[in-house]
Amino acid sequence: MDDVRLSEMHDAVVECMKVEAQRVTLEFSHLPTFQLVGSDKYRVWSYRGRLVLANPTKVTVELSGGAMRISDGTIVATSSGRSDELTPLLDSTSPIDVMQITFDEGGRLIATGGTAIVELAEGLELDETWEGSLQSS
């Protein structure tokens, strides 16, 4: 996980979702990450990993069948702001206000309250090289 600068949910693939008392875990078979290799030059790697939501006050899960690939429109709202990036949660437990994850096939997961952390496991493969700023305009 050397020099991971960004991890985003767009196009992440959920292999398994576990909903338990006081805990929701999403296991990713593909989670895009950007690793800095030069000035505004990144390697985009596919990682296995997990998102763990602990002690949410409310969880709603709507599934519609099909692959659980995460689409645009996903919202992560923490005390530090909103985005579709998981970077603030990498290896650091953060309180969340609301997390809404929307899947390509129309399902979604909404959690309010509690904490969240993203843990990267193994790097799987190099997907592409990205040149340019990671800042959205």
Protein backbone atom coordinates (compact mmCIF):
# COMPACT_ATOMS: atom_id res chain seq x y z
CA MET A 1 0.00 0.00 0.00
CA ASP A 2 3.00 2.25 -0.56
CA ASP A 3 2.10 5.84 -1.38
CA VAL A 4 -1.63 5.25 -1.95
CA ARG A 5 -2.99 8.74 -2.51
CA LEU A 6 -6.58 7.97 -3.38
CA SER A 7 -9.02 5.10 -3.19
CA GLU A 8 -12.41 5.57 -4.76
CA MET A 9 -15.63 3.65 -4.74
CA HIS A 10 -16.57 4.21 -8.37
CA ASP A 11 -16.28 0.84 -10.16
CA ALA A 12 -15.42 -1.04 -6.96
CA VAL A 13 -16.83 -4.59 -7.02
CA VAL A 14 -18.42 -6.01 -3.85
CA GLU A 15 -17.78 -9.72 -3.53
CA CYS A 16 -19.72 -10.16 -0.30
CA MET A 17 -21.86 -8.06 2.03
CA LYS A 18 -22.33 -9.15 5.64
CA VAL A 19 -24.96 -7.42 7.77
CA GLU A 20 -24.68 -8.30 11.44
CA ALA A 21 -25.79 -6.71 14.67
CA GLN A 22 -23.83 -3.45 15.00
CA ARG A 23 -21.61 -4.20 11.98
CA VAL A 24 -21.77 -4.14 8.17
CA THR A 25 -18.83 -5.44 6.13
CA LEU A 26 -18.36 -5.08 2.39
CA GLU A 27 -15.63 -7.33 0.97
CA PHE A 28 -14.22 -5.94 -2.29
CA SER A 29 -12.78 -8.13 -5.05
CA HIS A 30 -11.77 -4.92 -6.86
CA LEU A 31 -11.11 -1.55 -5.24
CA PRO A 32 -9.34 1.06 -7.42
CA THR A 33 -6.41 2.87 -5.79
CA PHE A 34 -4.04 5.51 -7.12
CA GLN A 35 -0.35 5.26 -6.21
CA LEU A 36 1.93 8.24 -6.83
CA VAL A 37 4.91 7.42 -9.08
CA GLY A 38 5.90 10.93 -10.24
CA SER A 39 4.67 14.49 -10.41
CA ASP A 40 0.95 14.13 -11.24
CA LYS A 41 1.56 10.57 -12.46
CA TYR A 42 -0.17 7.61 -10.80
CA ARG A 43 -0.52 3.88 -11.22
CA VAL A 44 -4.08 2.69 -10.77
CA TRP A 45 -4.04 -0.65 -8.98
CA SER A 46 -6.83 -3.06 -8.24
CA TYR A 47 -6.81 -4.14 -4.60
CA ARG A 48 -8.82 -6.58 -2.56
CA GLY A 49 -10.08 -4.98 0.62
CA ARG A 50 -12.97 -4.35 2.96
CA LEU A 51 -15.11 -1.53 4.24
CA VAL A 52 -16.28 -2.02 7.82
CA LEU A 53 -19.12 0.04 9.27
CA ALA A 54 -19.29 -0.36 13.03
CA ASN A 55 -22.13 0.60 15.35
CA PRO A 56 -24.37 2.34 12.81
CA THR A 57 -27.57 3.76 14.26
CA LYS A 58 -29.57 2.73 11.17
CA VAL A 59 -28.89 0.51 8.14
CA THR A 60 -31.08 0.12 5.07
CA VAL A 61 -30.21 -2.43 2.36
CA GLU A 62 -32.06 -2.62 -0.96
CA LEU A 63 -30.87 -5.24 -3.45
CA SER A 64 -32.09 -5.71 -6.99
CA GLY A 65 -30.01 -8.66 -8.13
CA GLY A 66 -27.04 -8.69 -10.45
CA ALA A 67 -23.45 -7.70 -9.82
CA MET A 68 -22.74 -5.35 -6.96
CA ARG A 69 -20.51 -2.93 -8.84
CA ILE A 70 -20.54 0.48 -7.21
CA SER A 71 -21.77 3.29 -9.44
CA ASP A 72 -21.40 7.04 -9.53
CA GLY A 73 -23.64 8.81 -7.08
CA THR A 74 -22.17 7.13 -4.03
CA ILE A 75 -21.96 9.46 -1.04
CA VAL A 76 -19.56 9.25 1.87
CA ALA A 77 -20.24 11.96 4.43
CA THR A 78 -17.93 12.28 7.40
CA SER A 79 -17.32 15.11 9.79
CA SER A 80 -14.59 16.27 7.40
CA GLY A 81 -16.80 16.52 4.28
CA ARG A 82 -18.53 14.62 1.47
CA SER A 83 -17.08 12.74 -1.47
CA ASP A 84 -17.15 9.43 -3.30
CA GLU A 85 -13.61 8.71 -2.16
CA LEU A 86 -12.68 6.21 0.51
CA THR A 87 -9.26 7.79 1.03
CA PRO A 88 -10.10 9.45 4.39
CA LEU A 89 -11.11 6.01 5.69
CA LEU A 90 -7.95 4.13 4.62
CA ASP A 91 -6.56 2.38 7.70
CA SER A 92 -8.12 5.00 9.95
CA THR A 93 -11.45 4.66 11.73
CA SER A 94 -13.59 7.75 11.10
CA PRO A 95 -17.05 8.73 12.34
CA ILE A 96 -19.64 8.90 9.57
CA ASP A 97 -22.78 10.97 9.36
CA VAL A 98 -24.23 9.03 6.42
CA MET A 99 -22.91 6.62 3.85
CA GLN A 100 -25.00 5.83 0.80
CA ILE A 101 -23.58 3.27 -1.60
CA THR A 102 -25.42 2.89 -4.90
CA PHE A 103 -24.92 -0.19 -7.06
CA ASP A 104 -25.10 -0.25 -10.88
CA GLU A 105 -28.06 -2.62 -10.82
CA GLY A 106 -30.14 -0.24 -8.69
CA GLY A 107 -29.58 -1.58 -5.19
CA ARG A 108 -28.17 0.50 -2.39
CA LEU A 109 -26.87 0.47 1.15
CA ILE A 110 -27.53 3.42 3.45
CA ALA A 111 -25.94 3.65 6.88
CA THR A 112 -26.15 6.50 9.36
CA GLY A 113 -23.97 7.05 12.39
CA GLY A 114 -21.18 4.86 13.66
CA THR A 115 -17.68 4.60 12.27
CA ALA A 116 -16.09 3.33 9.08
CA ILE A 117 -12.68 2.06 8.03
CA VAL A 118 -11.28 0.75 4.74
CA GLU A 119 -8.61 -1.93 4.97
CA LEU A 120 -6.66 -2.79 1.82
CA ALA A 121 -5.53 -6.39 1.47
CA GLU A 122 -3.51 -7.59 -1.50
CA GLY A 123 -2.75 -5.62 -4.62
CA LEU A 124 -4.05 -7.65 -7.55
CA GLU A 125 -3.01 -5.99 -10.78
CA LEU A 126 -2.07 -2.76 -12.45
CA ASP A 127 -5.14 -1.44 -14.27
CA GLU A 128 -3.75 1.69 -15.90
CA THR A 129 -1.51 4.71 -15.57
CA TRP A 130 -3.13 8.08 -14.83
CA GLU A 131 -1.50 11.41 -15.59
CA GLY A 132 -2.92 14.63 -14.23
CA SER A 133 -4.34 16.03 -11.06
CA LEU A 134 -6.53 13.93 -8.80
CA GLN A 135 -8.38 17.08 -7.78
CA SER A 136 -11.86 17.32 -9.26
CA SER A 137 -12.58 20.57 -11.07
